[in-house]
N, C-alpha and C. Protein backbone atom coordinates (compact mmCIF):
# COMPACT_ATOMS: atom_id res chain seq x y z
N UNK A 1 -19.32 24.71 25.86
CA UNK A 1 -17.99 25.06 25.40
C UNK A 1 -18.11 26.21 24.41
N UNK A 2 -17.29 27.20 24.59
CA UNK A 2 -17.32 28.35 23.69
C UNK A 2 -16.79 27.94 22.32
N UNK A 3 -17.36 28.55 21.28
CA UNK A 3 -16.96 28.23 19.92
C UNK A 3 -15.46 28.43 19.70
N UNK A 4 -14.89 29.50 20.27
CA UNK A 4 -13.46 29.78 20.09
C UNK A 4 -12.61 28.60 20.52
N UNK A 5 -13.00 27.97 21.62
CA UNK A 5 -12.24 26.82 22.11
C UNK A 5 -12.34 25.65 21.15
N UNK A 6 -13.51 25.45 20.58
CA UNK A 6 -13.70 24.36 19.62
C UNK A 6 -12.84 24.60 18.38
N UNK A 7 -12.81 25.85 17.93
CA UNK A 7 -12.05 26.19 16.72
C UNK A 7 -10.57 25.91 16.88
N UNK A 8 -10.08 26.00 18.10
CA UNK A 8 -8.64 25.82 18.36
C UNK A 8 -8.27 24.36 18.63
N UNK A 9 -9.25 23.49 18.69
CA UNK A 9 -8.96 22.06 18.86
C UNK A 9 -8.24 21.58 17.61
N UNK A 10 -7.19 20.83 17.81
CA UNK A 10 -6.41 20.32 16.67
C UNK A 10 -7.19 19.23 15.95
N UNK A 11 -7.33 19.40 14.65
CA UNK A 11 -7.98 18.36 13.85
C UNK A 11 -7.24 17.04 14.04
N UNK A 12 -5.91 17.12 14.10
CA UNK A 12 -5.09 15.90 14.24
C UNK A 12 -5.36 15.17 15.55
N UNK A 13 -5.91 15.85 16.56
CA UNK A 13 -6.24 15.18 17.82
C UNK A 13 -7.62 14.54 17.77
N UNK A 14 -8.51 15.06 16.93
CA UNK A 14 -9.86 14.53 16.82
C UNK A 14 -9.94 13.42 15.76
N UNK A 15 -9.14 13.56 14.73
CA UNK A 15 -9.13 12.60 13.62
C UNK A 15 -8.99 11.15 14.09
N UNK A 16 -8.04 10.83 15.00
CA UNK A 16 -7.96 9.43 15.46
C UNK A 16 -9.23 8.97 16.18
N UNK A 17 -9.93 9.91 16.82
CA UNK A 17 -11.19 9.56 17.49
C UNK A 17 -12.28 9.25 16.47
N UNK A 18 -12.28 10.00 15.37
CA UNK A 18 -13.22 9.69 14.29
C UNK A 18 -12.96 8.26 13.77
N UNK A 19 -11.69 7.95 13.56
CA UNK A 19 -11.32 6.62 13.05
C UNK A 19 -11.72 5.55 14.05
N UNK A 20 -11.41 5.78 15.32
CA UNK A 20 -11.75 4.82 16.36
C UNK A 20 -13.25 4.57 16.42
N UNK A 21 -14.03 5.64 16.36
CA UNK A 21 -15.48 5.51 16.40
C UNK A 21 -15.98 4.67 15.23
N UNK A 22 -15.45 4.93 14.05
CA UNK A 22 -15.85 4.18 12.86
C UNK A 22 -15.42 2.71 12.95
N UNK A 23 -14.18 2.48 13.37
CA UNK A 23 -13.66 1.12 13.42
C UNK A 23 -14.37 0.26 14.46
N UNK A 24 -14.83 0.87 15.54
CA UNK A 24 -15.59 0.12 16.55
C UNK A 24 -16.86 -0.46 15.96
N UNK A 25 -17.35 0.18 14.91
CA UNK A 25 -18.60 -0.25 14.28
C UNK A 25 -18.35 -0.97 12.95
N UNK A 26 -17.09 -1.41 12.74
CA UNK A 26 -16.79 -2.20 11.55
C UNK A 26 -16.49 -1.40 10.29
N UNK A 27 -16.32 -0.09 10.42
CA UNK A 27 -15.96 0.74 9.28
C UNK A 27 -14.44 0.94 9.28
N UNK A 28 -13.93 1.67 8.30
CA UNK A 28 -12.48 1.77 8.15
C UNK A 28 -11.99 3.22 8.15
N UNK A 29 -10.68 3.36 8.34
CA UNK A 29 -10.02 4.66 8.25
C UNK A 29 -10.24 5.23 6.86
N UNK A 30 -10.16 4.39 5.85
CA UNK A 30 -10.35 4.83 4.47
C UNK A 30 -11.72 5.45 4.28
N UNK A 31 -12.73 4.89 4.92
CA UNK A 31 -14.08 5.45 4.81
C UNK A 31 -14.18 6.80 5.53
N UNK A 32 -13.49 6.93 6.66
CA UNK A 32 -13.44 8.23 7.34
C UNK A 32 -12.79 9.25 6.42
N UNK A 33 -11.71 8.83 5.76
CA UNK A 33 -11.02 9.73 4.82
C UNK A 33 -11.94 10.12 3.66
N UNK A 34 -12.70 9.17 3.16
CA UNK A 34 -13.60 9.45 2.03
C UNK A 34 -14.61 10.53 2.41
N UNK A 35 -15.25 10.39 3.58
CA UNK A 35 -16.27 11.38 3.96
C UNK A 35 -15.63 12.74 4.27
N UNK A 36 -14.42 12.72 4.85
CA UNK A 36 -13.72 13.97 5.16
C UNK A 36 -13.34 14.69 3.88
N UNK A 37 -12.81 13.96 2.92
CA UNK A 37 -12.41 14.56 1.64
C UNK A 37 -13.64 15.00 0.84
N UNK A 38 -14.72 14.24 0.92
CA UNK A 38 -15.95 14.63 0.23
C UNK A 38 -16.43 15.98 0.73
N UNK A 39 -16.41 16.17 2.05
CA UNK A 39 -16.90 17.42 2.63
C UNK A 39 -15.99 18.60 2.31
N UNK A 40 -14.68 18.39 2.39
CA UNK A 40 -13.72 19.50 2.34
C UNK A 40 -13.06 19.74 0.99
N UNK A 41 -13.05 18.73 0.13
CA UNK A 41 -12.35 18.87 -1.14
C UNK A 41 -10.87 18.58 -1.06
N UNK A 42 -10.38 18.19 0.12
CA UNK A 42 -8.95 17.85 0.24
C UNK A 42 -8.62 16.60 -0.56
N UNK A 43 -7.40 16.54 -1.08
CA UNK A 43 -6.86 15.32 -1.67
C UNK A 43 -6.24 14.50 -0.55
N UNK A 44 -5.81 13.28 -0.85
CA UNK A 44 -5.13 12.46 0.16
C UNK A 44 -3.93 13.20 0.73
N UNK A 45 -3.13 13.79 -0.16
CA UNK A 45 -1.90 14.48 0.26
C UNK A 45 -2.22 15.71 1.11
N UNK A 46 -3.24 16.46 0.71
CA UNK A 46 -3.61 17.67 1.45
C UNK A 46 -4.15 17.32 2.84
N UNK A 47 -4.94 16.25 2.92
CA UNK A 47 -5.47 15.82 4.21
C UNK A 47 -4.33 15.40 5.12
N UNK A 48 -3.42 14.62 4.59
CA UNK A 48 -2.24 14.18 5.36
C UNK A 48 -1.44 15.39 5.84
N UNK A 49 -1.26 16.39 4.99
CA UNK A 49 -0.50 17.59 5.35
C UNK A 49 -1.18 18.35 6.49
N UNK A 50 -2.50 18.44 6.46
CA UNK A 50 -3.24 19.13 7.53
C UNK A 50 -3.03 18.41 8.86
N UNK A 51 -3.03 17.08 8.81
CA UNK A 51 -2.83 16.29 10.03
C UNK A 51 -1.40 16.46 10.54
N UNK A 52 -0.44 16.40 9.63
CA UNK A 52 0.96 16.50 10.02
C UNK A 52 1.32 17.88 10.57
N UNK A 53 0.71 18.92 10.04
CA UNK A 53 1.04 20.26 10.53
C UNK A 53 0.22 20.65 11.76
N UNK A 54 -0.63 19.70 12.20
CA UNK A 54 -1.45 19.90 13.39
C UNK A 54 -2.34 21.15 13.29
N UNK A 55 -3.05 21.21 12.18
CA UNK A 55 -3.99 22.32 11.96
C UNK A 55 -5.15 22.22 12.94
N UNK A 56 -5.57 23.38 13.45
CA UNK A 56 -6.77 23.40 14.28
C UNK A 56 -7.98 23.41 13.34
N UNK A 57 -9.18 23.25 13.92
CA UNK A 57 -10.38 23.20 13.08
C UNK A 57 -10.56 24.47 12.25
N UNK A 58 -10.24 25.62 12.84
CA UNK A 58 -10.37 26.88 12.10
C UNK A 58 -9.51 26.82 10.83
N UNK A 59 -8.25 26.47 10.98
CA UNK A 59 -7.33 26.40 9.84
C UNK A 59 -7.74 25.29 8.88
N UNK A 60 -8.12 24.15 9.44
CA UNK A 60 -8.51 23.00 8.62
C UNK A 60 -9.62 23.39 7.64
N UNK A 61 -10.64 24.08 8.13
CA UNK A 61 -11.74 24.46 7.25
C UNK A 61 -11.44 25.70 6.44
N UNK A 62 -10.66 26.63 6.98
CA UNK A 62 -10.27 27.83 6.21
C UNK A 62 -9.45 27.45 4.98
N UNK A 63 -8.61 26.42 5.11
CA UNK A 63 -7.73 26.02 4.02
C UNK A 63 -8.32 24.93 3.12
N UNK A 64 -9.50 24.47 3.46
CA UNK A 64 -10.15 23.43 2.65
C UNK A 64 -10.39 23.97 1.24
N UNK A 65 -10.07 23.17 0.22
CA UNK A 65 -10.25 23.63 -1.16
C UNK A 65 -11.65 24.15 -1.46
N UNK A 66 -12.67 23.38 -1.07
CA UNK A 66 -14.04 23.85 -1.24
C UNK A 66 -14.98 22.94 -0.47
N UNK A 67 -15.95 23.54 0.15
CA UNK A 67 -16.97 22.77 0.84
C UNK A 67 -17.86 22.14 -0.23
N UNK A 68 -18.17 20.87 -0.06
CA UNK A 68 -19.01 20.18 -1.03
C UNK A 68 -20.36 20.90 -1.15
N UNK A 69 -20.80 21.15 -2.40
CA UNK A 69 -22.08 21.85 -2.58
C UNK A 69 -23.28 21.11 -1.98
N UNK A 70 -23.15 19.80 -1.76
CA UNK A 70 -24.24 19.03 -1.16
C UNK A 70 -24.17 19.00 0.37
N UNK A 71 -23.22 19.72 0.95
CA UNK A 71 -23.08 19.73 2.41
C UNK A 71 -24.36 20.22 3.08
N UNK A 72 -25.06 21.14 2.44
CA UNK A 72 -26.30 21.66 3.05
C UNK A 72 -27.39 20.59 3.17
N UNK A 73 -27.19 19.47 2.50
CA UNK A 73 -28.15 18.36 2.62
C UNK A 73 -27.91 17.54 3.89
N UNK A 74 -26.82 17.85 4.62
CA UNK A 74 -26.55 17.17 5.88
C UNK A 74 -27.41 17.83 6.94
N UNK A 75 -28.38 17.08 7.44
CA UNK A 75 -29.33 17.62 8.40
C UNK A 75 -29.48 16.67 9.57
N UNK A 76 -30.18 17.12 10.57
CA UNK A 76 -30.43 16.27 11.72
C UNK A 76 -29.74 16.80 12.96
N UNK A 77 -29.76 15.98 13.99
CA UNK A 77 -29.22 16.38 15.29
C UNK A 77 -27.81 15.81 15.46
N UNK A 78 -26.95 16.64 16.05
CA UNK A 78 -25.61 16.19 16.45
C UNK A 78 -25.23 17.00 17.68
N UNK A 79 -24.79 16.33 18.71
CA UNK A 79 -24.38 16.99 19.96
C UNK A 79 -25.48 17.90 20.51
N UNK A 80 -26.72 17.50 20.31
CA UNK A 80 -27.84 18.27 20.85
C UNK A 80 -28.27 19.47 20.04
N UNK A 81 -27.68 19.64 18.86
CA UNK A 81 -28.02 20.78 18.00
C UNK A 81 -28.52 20.30 16.66
N UNK A 82 -29.50 20.99 16.12
CA UNK A 82 -29.98 20.71 14.77
C UNK A 82 -29.01 21.40 13.81
N UNK A 83 -28.33 20.62 12.99
CA UNK A 83 -27.25 21.12 12.13
C UNK A 83 -27.71 22.27 11.23
N UNK A 84 -28.87 22.12 10.63
CA UNK A 84 -29.33 23.13 9.69
C UNK A 84 -29.67 24.46 10.36
N UNK A 85 -29.76 24.48 11.69
CA UNK A 85 -30.08 25.70 12.41
C UNK A 85 -28.85 26.38 13.02
N UNK A 86 -27.69 25.78 12.89
CA UNK A 86 -26.46 26.38 13.43
C UNK A 86 -26.12 27.60 12.58
N UNK A 87 -26.03 28.76 13.22
CA UNK A 87 -25.82 30.01 12.49
C UNK A 87 -24.35 30.28 12.18
N UNK A 88 -23.46 29.84 13.03
CA UNK A 88 -22.03 30.07 12.84
C UNK A 88 -21.52 29.14 11.73
N UNK A 89 -21.03 29.68 10.60
CA UNK A 89 -20.62 28.85 9.47
C UNK A 89 -19.52 27.84 9.80
N UNK A 90 -18.54 28.24 10.60
CA UNK A 90 -17.46 27.31 10.94
C UNK A 90 -17.97 26.19 11.84
N UNK A 91 -18.76 26.53 12.83
CA UNK A 91 -19.32 25.50 13.71
C UNK A 91 -20.20 24.55 12.91
N UNK A 92 -20.93 25.07 11.95
CA UNK A 92 -21.77 24.21 11.13
C UNK A 92 -20.91 23.22 10.34
N UNK A 93 -19.78 23.67 9.80
CA UNK A 93 -18.88 22.78 9.05
C UNK A 93 -18.31 21.69 9.97
N UNK A 94 -17.93 22.07 11.17
CA UNK A 94 -17.41 21.09 12.13
C UNK A 94 -18.48 20.05 12.44
N UNK A 95 -19.70 20.50 12.63
CA UNK A 95 -20.81 19.58 12.93
C UNK A 95 -21.18 18.73 11.71
N UNK A 96 -21.01 19.28 10.51
CA UNK A 96 -21.20 18.46 9.31
C UNK A 96 -20.27 17.24 9.36
N UNK A 97 -19.00 17.50 9.65
CA UNK A 97 -18.03 16.41 9.70
C UNK A 97 -18.37 15.43 10.81
N UNK A 98 -18.75 15.93 11.98
CA UNK A 98 -19.17 15.06 13.07
C UNK A 98 -20.33 14.16 12.63
N UNK A 99 -21.29 14.75 11.95
CA UNK A 99 -22.47 14.01 11.51
C UNK A 99 -22.11 12.94 10.49
N UNK A 100 -21.22 13.27 9.54
CA UNK A 100 -20.81 12.28 8.54
C UNK A 100 -20.15 11.07 9.20
N UNK A 101 -19.27 11.33 10.16
CA UNK A 101 -18.60 10.23 10.86
C UNK A 101 -19.61 9.45 11.69
N UNK A 102 -20.55 10.15 12.29
CA UNK A 102 -21.60 9.50 13.07
C UNK A 102 -22.43 8.57 12.18
N UNK A 103 -22.81 9.05 11.01
CA UNK A 103 -23.60 8.22 10.08
C UNK A 103 -22.79 7.01 9.63
N UNK A 104 -21.51 7.20 9.40
CA UNK A 104 -20.63 6.10 9.03
C UNK A 104 -20.64 5.04 10.13
N UNK A 105 -20.47 5.49 11.37
CA UNK A 105 -20.44 4.57 12.50
C UNK A 105 -21.78 3.88 12.73
N UNK A 106 -22.86 4.53 12.31
CA UNK A 106 -24.18 3.92 12.48
C UNK A 106 -24.51 2.93 11.36
N UNK A 107 -23.57 2.76 10.42
CA UNK A 107 -23.75 1.75 9.38
C UNK A 107 -24.50 2.21 8.15
N UNK A 108 -24.70 3.50 7.99
CA UNK A 108 -25.37 3.98 6.78
C UNK A 108 -24.54 3.63 5.56
N UNK A 109 -25.22 3.43 4.45
CA UNK A 109 -24.52 3.16 3.19
C UNK A 109 -23.79 4.43 2.73
N UNK A 110 -22.63 4.23 2.14
CA UNK A 110 -21.79 5.36 1.71
C UNK A 110 -22.55 6.28 0.76
N UNK A 111 -23.38 5.73 -0.13
CA UNK A 111 -24.11 6.56 -1.09
C UNK A 111 -25.03 7.54 -0.36
N UNK A 112 -25.64 7.07 0.74
CA UNK A 112 -26.53 7.94 1.51
C UNK A 112 -25.73 8.99 2.28
N UNK A 113 -24.60 8.56 2.85
CA UNK A 113 -23.76 9.50 3.60
C UNK A 113 -23.27 10.62 2.69
N UNK A 114 -22.89 10.28 1.48
CA UNK A 114 -22.37 11.27 0.53
C UNK A 114 -23.46 11.98 -0.24
N UNK A 115 -24.69 11.80 0.18
CA UNK A 115 -25.84 12.50 -0.40
C UNK A 115 -25.89 12.39 -1.92
N UNK A 116 -25.72 11.15 -2.41
CA UNK A 116 -25.75 10.91 -3.87
C UNK A 116 -27.15 10.59 -4.33
């Protein structure tokens, strides 16, 4: 899939899938929100606004208050790619979020997911 197509995917269409993935493994929507806000710097209200306005991934990350300074500590494989080797900054941010939700669904402790 070309990066441009991924960037235009609506965050609001993927967000329920993140929640579903987490809930299938006994985690909660609130935990998905915690990792999303940790990565992006969004508040509850800002995150809700992004979902309601149907922001695509490009807009979602462009308008994020600030990427967490510890985001670079998110490493490993996701969707067949090593996150730390992804050269495109936006694609790397999208994969960071995918990885955080994946770790949540795999039962990792929140402290480890948030790189504390």
